[in-house]
Amino acid sequence: MGAVEVICMSVGSLTGLANLGIAWASFLRSKKNAPPVTFTVAGPLSDEELAMLKTLRLPVGPRDDE
């Protein structure tokens, strides 16, 4: 294997590695810009619904009947 082949293989590998870095940076940037999701439940929550939300560890806002 000559020096030219070694250089060509190295450049190809480094290009692939650079593309991986660019893709990873784009992925992280897209995650930071995602808006939060809020669900609003009309009416009071039953005890069963509250237990389900606590099991899922979701934040629960103030209840109307309290």
PDB file of N, CA and C in Angstrom:
ATOM      1  N   MET A   1       0.856  -1.175   0.000  1.00  0.00           N
ATOM      2  CA  MET A   1       0.000   0.000   0.000  1.00  0.00           C
ATOM      3  C   MET A   1       0.900   1.234   0.000  1.00  0.00           C
ATOM      4  N   GLY A   2       0.653   2.106  -0.932  1.00  0.00           N
ATOM      5  CA  GLY A   2       1.482   3.300  -1.058  1.00  0.00           C
ATOM      6  C   GLY A   2       0.988   4.436  -0.180  1.00  0.00           C
ATOM      7  N   ALA A   3       1.743   5.493  -0.158  1.00  0.00           N
ATOM      8  CA  ALA A   3       1.408   6.650   0.665  1.00  0.00           C
ATOM      9  C   ALA A   3       0.113   7.313   0.203  1.00  0.00           C
ATOM     10  N   VAL A   4      -0.148   7.301  -1.090  1.00  0.00           N
ATOM     11  CA  VAL A   4      -1.358   7.930  -1.624  1.00  0.00           C
ATOM     12  C   VAL A   4      -2.605   7.195  -1.127  1.00  0.00           C
ATOM     13  N   GLU A   5      -2.554   5.864  -1.124  1.00  0.00           N
ATOM     14  CA  GLU A   5      -3.700   5.089  -0.649  1.00  0.00           C
ATOM     15  C   GLU A   5      -3.957   5.326   0.836  1.00  0.00           C
ATOM     16  N   VAL A   6      -2.881   5.406   1.618  1.00  0.00           N
ATOM     17  CA  VAL A   6      -3.015   5.656   3.057  1.00  0.00           C
ATOM     18  C   VAL A   6      -3.642   7.029   3.296  1.00  0.00           C
ATOM     19  N   ILE A   7      -3.214   8.020   2.545  1.00  0.00           N
ATOM     20  CA  ILE A   7      -3.769   9.373   2.690  1.00  0.00           C
ATOM     21  C   ILE A   7      -5.240   9.386   2.290  1.00  0.00           C
ATOM     22  N   CYS A   8      -5.588   8.716   1.209  1.00  0.00           N
ATOM     23  CA  CYS A   8      -6.985   8.675   0.760  1.00  0.00           C
ATOM     24  C   CYS A   8      -7.874   7.982   1.796  1.00  0.00           C
ATOM     25  N   MET A   9      -7.402   6.896   2.381  1.00  0.00           N
ATOM     26  CA  MET A   9      -8.183   6.195   3.401  1.00  0.00           C
ATOM     27  C   MET A   9      -8.356   7.068   4.642  1.00  0.00           C
ATOM     28  N   SER A  10      -7.296   7.767   5.047  1.00  0.00           N
ATOM     29  CA  SER A  10      -7.361   8.625   6.227  1.00  0.00           C
ATOM     30  C   SER A  10      -8.334   9.776   6.024  1.00  0.00           C
ATOM     31  N   VAL A  11      -8.282  10.393   4.850  1.00  0.00           N
ATOM     32  CA  VAL A  11      -9.192  11.511   4.560  1.00  0.00           C
ATOM     33  C   VAL A  11     -10.640  11.026   4.553  1.00  0.00           C
ATOM     34  N   GLY A  12     -10.887   9.855   3.981  1.00  0.00           N
ATOM     35  CA  GLY A  12     -12.245   9.308   3.962  1.00  0.00           C
ATOM     36  C   GLY A  12     -12.758   9.012   5.361  1.00  0.00           C
ATOM     37  N   SER A  13     -11.902   8.458   6.215  1.00  0.00           N
ATOM     38  CA  SER A  13     -12.307   8.153   7.583  1.00  0.00           C
ATOM     39  C   SER A  13     -12.557   9.422   8.382  1.00  0.00           C
ATOM     40  N   LEU A  14     -11.716  10.416   8.215  1.00  0.00           N
ATOM     41  CA  LEU A  14     -11.894  11.672   8.941  1.00  0.00           C
ATOM     42  C   LEU A  14     -13.147  12.411   8.479  1.00  0.00           C
ATOM     43  N   THR A  15     -13.468  12.313   7.210  1.00  0.00           N
ATOM     44  CA  THR A  15     -14.694  12.937   6.702  1.00  0.00           C
ATOM     45  C   THR A  15     -15.917  12.285   7.322  1.00  0.00           C
ATOM     46  N   GLY A  16     -15.905  10.972   7.404  1.00  0.00           N
ATOM     47  CA  GLY A  16     -17.016  10.270   8.048  1.00  0.00           C
ATOM     48  C   GLY A  16     -17.145  10.630   9.510  1.00  0.00           C
ATOM     49  N   LEU A  17     -16.030  10.753  10.206  1.00  0.00           N
ATOM     50  CA  LEU A  17     -16.053  11.130  11.617  1.00  0.00           C
ATOM     51  C   LEU A  17     -16.565  12.562  11.786  1.00  0.00           C
ATOM     52  N   ALA A  18     -16.170  13.463  10.898  1.00  0.00           N
ATOM     53  CA  ALA A  18     -16.657  14.843  10.958  1.00  0.00           C
ATOM     54  C   ALA A  18     -18.162  14.888  10.712  1.00  0.00           C
ATOM     55  N   ASN A  19     -18.670  14.088   9.779  1.00  0.00           N
ATOM     56  CA  ASN A  19     -20.117  14.035   9.527  1.00  0.00           C
ATOM     57  C   ASN A  19     -20.872  13.535  10.748  1.00  0.00           C
ATOM     58  N   LEU A  20     -20.291  12.566  11.451  1.00  0.00           N
ATOM     59  CA  LEU A  20     -20.918  12.077  12.674  1.00  0.00           C
ATOM     60  C   LEU A  20     -21.000  13.181  13.721  1.00  0.00           C
ATOM     61  N   GLY A  21     -19.938  13.956  13.867  1.00  0.00           N
ATOM     62  CA  GLY A  21     -19.949  15.071  14.811  1.00  0.00           C
ATOM     63  C   GLY A  21     -20.976  16.128  14.456  1.00  0.00           C
ATOM     64  N   ILE A  22     -21.109  16.432  13.188  1.00  0.00           N
ATOM     65  CA  ILE A  22     -22.103  17.420  12.745  1.00  0.00           C
ATOM     66  C   ILE A  22     -23.519  16.913  13.000  1.00  0.00           C
ATOM     67  N   ALA A  23     -23.764  15.647  12.730  1.00  0.00           N
ATOM     68  CA  ALA A  23     -25.088  15.076  12.969  1.00  0.00           C
ATOM     69  C   ALA A  23     -25.427  15.086  14.455  1.00  0.00           C
ATOM     70  N   TRP A  24     -24.456  14.764  15.302  1.00  0.00           N
ATOM     71  CA  TRP A  24     -24.686  14.753  16.753  1.00  0.00           C
ATOM     72  C   TRP A  24     -24.979  16.165  17.258  1.00  0.00           C
ATOM     73  N   ALA A  25     -24.239  17.151  16.778  1.00  0.00           N
ATOM     74  CA  ALA A  25     -24.478  18.540  17.188  1.00  0.00           C
ATOM     75  C   ALA A  25     -25.858  19.010  16.742  1.00  0.00           C
ATOM     76  N   SER A  26     -26.275  18.633  15.558  1.00  0.00           N
ATOM     77  CA  SER A  26     -27.618  19.003  15.074  1.00  0.00           C
ATOM     78  C   SER A  26     -28.699  18.355  15.922  1.00  0.00           C
ATOM     79  N   PHE A  27     -28.487  17.115  16.313  1.00  0.00           N
ATOM     80  CA  PHE A  27     -29.453  16.420  17.165  1.00  0.00           C
ATOM     81  C   PHE A  27     -29.584  17.125  18.508  1.00  0.00           C
ATOM     82  N   LEU A  28     -28.471  17.467  19.130  1.00  0.00           N
ATOM     83  CA  LEU A  28     -28.525  18.145  20.428  1.00  0.00           C
ATOM     84  C   LEU A  28     -29.164  19.518  20.315  1.00  0.00           C
ATOM     85  N   ARG A  29     -28.891  20.235  19.254  1.00  0.00           N
ATOM     86  CA  ARG A  29     -29.481  21.560  19.069  1.00  0.00           C
ATOM     87  C   ARG A  29     -30.995  21.467  18.885  1.00  0.00           C
ATOM     88  N   SER A  30     -31.466  20.437  18.180  1.00  0.00           N
ATOM     89  CA  SER A  30     -32.904  20.293  17.954  1.00  0.00           C
ATOM     90  C   SER A  30     -33.628  19.927  19.245  1.00  0.00           C
ATOM     91  N   LYS A  31     -32.986  19.204  20.136  1.00  0.00           N
ATOM     92  CA  LYS A  31     -33.619  18.836  21.401  1.00  0.00           C
ATOM     93  C   LYS A  31     -33.802  20.049  22.297  1.00  0.00           C
ATOM     94  N   LYS A  32     -32.880  20.999  22.271  1.00  0.00           N
ATOM     95  CA  LYS A  32     -32.968  22.172  23.134  1.00  0.00           C
ATOM     96  C   LYS A  32     -34.098  23.099  22.705  1.00  0.00           C
ATOM     97  N   ASN A  33     -34.449  23.098  21.434  1.00  0.00           N
ATOM     98  CA  ASN A  33     -35.464  24.010  20.921  1.00  0.00           C
ATOM     99  C   ASN A  33     -36.875  23.430  20.969  1.00  0.00           C
ATOM    100  N   ALA A  34     -37.035  22.226  21.480  1.00  0.00           N
ATOM    101  CA  ALA A  34     -38.358  21.615  21.526  1.00  0.00           C
ATOM    102  C   ALA A  34     -39.205  22.298  22.600  1.00  0.00           C
ATOM    103  N   PRO A  35     -40.414  22.726  22.268  1.00  0.00           N
ATOM    104  CA  PRO A  35     -41.247  23.396  23.263  1.00  0.00           C
ATOM    105  C   PRO A  35     -41.809  22.385  24.271  1.00  0.00           C
ATOM    106  N   PRO A  36     -42.079  22.845  25.493  1.00  0.00           N
ATOM    107  CA  PRO A  36     -42.679  21.943  26.473  1.00  0.00           C
ATOM    108  C   PRO A  36     -44.134  21.638  26.100  1.00  0.00           C
ATOM    109  N   VAL A  37     -44.613  20.499  26.520  1.00  0.00           N
ATOM    110  CA  VAL A  37     -45.985  20.086  26.233  1.00  0.00           C
ATOM    111  C   VAL A  37     -46.783  20.152  27.526  1.00  0.00           C
ATOM    112  N   THR A  38     -47.955  20.777  27.459  1.00  0.00           N
ATOM    113  CA  THR A  38     -48.817  20.899  28.628  1.00  0.00           C
ATOM    114  C   THR A  38     -50.188  20.327  28.294  1.00  0.00           C
ATOM    115  N   PHE A  39     -50.688  19.477  29.176  1.00  0.00           N
ATOM    116  CA  PHE A  39     -52.039  18.937  29.040  1.00  0.00           C
ATOM    117  C   PHE A  39     -52.889  19.548  30.144  1.00  0.00           C
ATOM    118  N   THR A  40     -54.048  20.052  29.777  1.00  0.00           N
ATOM    119  CA  THR A  40     -54.970  20.620  30.743  1.00  0.00           C
ATOM    120  C   THR A  40     -56.197  19.733  30.809  1.00  0.00           C
ATOM    121  N   VAL A  41     -56.545  19.305  32.019  1.00  0.00           N
ATOM    122  CA  VAL A  41     -57.706  18.451  32.226  1.00  0.00           C
ATOM    123  C   VAL A  41     -58.816  19.313  32.796  1.00  0.00           C
ATOM    124  N   ALA A  42     -59.954  19.352  32.107  1.00  0.00           N
ATOM    125  CA  ALA A  42     -61.090  20.130  32.578  1.00  0.00           C
ATOM    126  C   ALA A  42     -61.815  19.357  33.667  1.00  0.00           C
ATOM    127  N   GLY A  43     -62.117  20.038  34.742  1.00  0.00           N
ATOM    128  CA  GLY A  43     -62.834  19.404  35.841  1.00  0.00           C
ATOM    129  C   GLY A  43     -61.889  18.808  36.869  1.00  0.00           C
ATOM    130  N   PRO A  44     -62.459  18.406  37.988  1.00  0.00           N
ATOM    131  CA  PRO A  44     -61.627  17.841  39.057  1.00  0.00           C
ATOM    132  C   PRO A  44     -61.117  16.448  38.678  1.00  0.00           C
ATOM    133  N   LEU A  45     -59.961  16.110  39.209  1.00  0.00           N
ATOM    134  CA  LEU A  45     -59.378  14.794  38.969  1.00  0.00           C
ATOM    135  C   LEU A  45     -59.856  13.813  40.030  1.00  0.00           C
ATOM    136  N   SER A  46     -60.142  12.597  39.592  1.00  0.00           N
ATOM    137  CA  SER A  46     -60.536  11.567  40.552  1.00  0.00           C
ATOM    138  C   SER A  46     -59.290  11.055  41.265  1.00  0.00           C
ATOM    139  N   ASP A  47     -59.502  10.322  42.347  1.00  0.00           N
ATOM    140  CA  ASP A  47     -58.374   9.753  43.084  1.00  0.00           C
ATOM    141  C   ASP A  47     -57.591   8.775  42.210  1.00  0.00           C
ATOM    142  N   GLU A  48     -58.287   8.051  41.333  1.00  0.00           N
ATOM    143  CA  GLU A  48     -57.622   7.112  40.437  1.00  0.00           C
ATOM    144  C   GLU A  48     -56.729   7.857  39.438  1.00  0.00           C
ATOM    145  N   GLU A  49     -57.219   8.970  38.912  1.00  0.00           N
ATOM    146  CA  GLU A  49     -56.414   9.761  37.978  1.00  0.00           C
ATOM    147  C   GLU A  49     -55.193  10.363  38.662  1.00  0.00           C
ATOM    148  N   LEU A  50     -55.373  10.843  39.900  1.00  0.00           N
ATOM    149  CA  LEU A  50     -54.238  11.379  40.642  1.00  0.00           C
ATOM    150  C   LEU A  50     -53.193  10.308  40.914  1.00  0.00           C
ATOM    151  N   ALA A  51     -53.659   9.094  41.254  1.00  0.00           N
ATOM    152  CA  ALA A  51     -52.722   7.988  41.504  1.00  0.00           C
ATOM    153  C   ALA A  51     -51.946   7.653  40.233  1.00  0.00           C
ATOM    154  N   MET A  52     -52.625   7.680  39.076  1.00  0.00           N
ATOM    155  CA  MET A  52     -51.955   7.400  37.815  1.00  0.00           C
ATOM    156  C   MET A  52     -50.895   8.464  37.527  1.00  0.00           C
ATOM    157  N   LEU A  53     -51.219   9.735  37.738  1.00  0.00           N
ATOM    158  CA  LEU A  53     -50.268  10.811  37.493  1.00  0.00           C
ATOM    159  C   LEU A  53     -49.071  10.715  38.429  1.00  0.00           C
ATOM    160  N   LYS A  54     -49.305  10.333  39.691  1.00  0.00           N
ATOM    161  CA  LYS A  54     -48.195  10.176  40.630  1.00  0.00           C
ATOM    162  C   LYS A  54     -47.310   9.002  40.230  1.00  0.00           C
ATOM    163  N   THR A  55     -47.901   7.935  39.697  1.00  0.00           N
ATOM    164  CA  THR A  55     -47.133   6.780  39.241  1.00  0.00           C
ATOM    165  C   THR A  55     -46.250   7.173  38.062  1.00  0.00           C
ATOM    166  N   LEU A  56     -46.771   8.007  37.173  1.00  0.00           N
ATOM    167  CA  LEU A  56     -46.009   8.461  36.006  1.00  0.00           C
ATOM    168  C   LEU A  56     -45.044   9.586  36.347  1.00  0.00           C
ATOM    169  N   ARG A  57     -45.128  10.089  37.570  1.00  0.00           N
ATOM    170  CA  ARG A  57     -44.290  11.195  38.054  1.00  0.00           C
ATOM    171  C   ARG A  57     -44.459  12.444  37.196  1.00  0.00           C
ATOM    172  N   LEU A  58     -45.706  12.729  36.833  1.00  0.00           N
ATOM    173  CA  LEU A  58     -46.018  13.944  36.090  1.00  0.00           C
ATOM    174  C   LEU A  58     -46.399  15.046  37.074  1.00  0.00           C
ATOM    175  N   PRO A  59     -46.067  16.294  36.783  1.00  0.00           N
ATOM    176  CA  PRO A  59     -46.458  17.358  37.678  1.00  0.00           C
ATOM    177  C   PRO A  59     -47.964  17.579  37.641  1.00  0.00           C
ATOM    178  N   VAL A  60     -48.545  17.771  38.811  1.00  0.00           N
ATOM    179  CA  VAL A  60     -49.983  17.984  38.924  1.00  0.00           C
ATOM    180  C   VAL A  60     -50.193  19.392  39.463  1.00  0.00           C
ATOM    181  N   GLY A  61     -51.024  20.181  38.758  1.00  0.00           N
ATOM    182  CA  GLY A  61     -51.329  21.525  39.185  1.00  0.00           C
ATOM    183  C   GLY A  61     -52.383  21.541  40.284  1.00  0.00           C
ATOM    184  N   PRO A  62     -52.805  22.724  40.678  1.00  0.00           N
ATOM    185  CA  PRO A  62     -53.812  22.831  41.747  1.00  0.00           C
ATOM    186  C   PRO A  62     -55.147  22.239  41.310  1.00  0.00           C
ATOM    187  N   ARG A  63     -55.831  21.626  42.258  1.00  0.00           N
ATOM    188  CA  ARG A  63     -57.146  21.054  41.980  1.00  0.00           C
ATOM    189  C   ARG A  63     -58.237  22.083  42.257  1.00  0.00           C
ATOM    190  N   ASP A  64     -59.338  22.005  41.507  1.00  0.00           N
ATOM    191  CA  ASP A  64     -60.448  22.950  41.675  1.00  0.00           C
ATOM    192  C   ASP A  64     -61.197  22.732  42.977  1.00  0.00           C
ATOM    193  N   ASP A  65     -61.284  21.474  43.438  1.00  0.00           N
ATOM    194  CA  ASP A  65     -62.114  21.186  44.606  1.00  0.00           C
ATOM    195  C   ASP A  65     -61.360  21.338  45.921  1.00  0.00           C
ATOM    196  N   GLU A  66     -60.141  21.801  45.907  1.00  0.00           N
ATOM    197  CA  GLU A  66     -59.385  21.983  47.154  1.00  0.00           C
ATOM    198  C   GLU A  66     -59.394  23.410  47.606  1.00  0.00           C
TER     199      GLU A  66
END
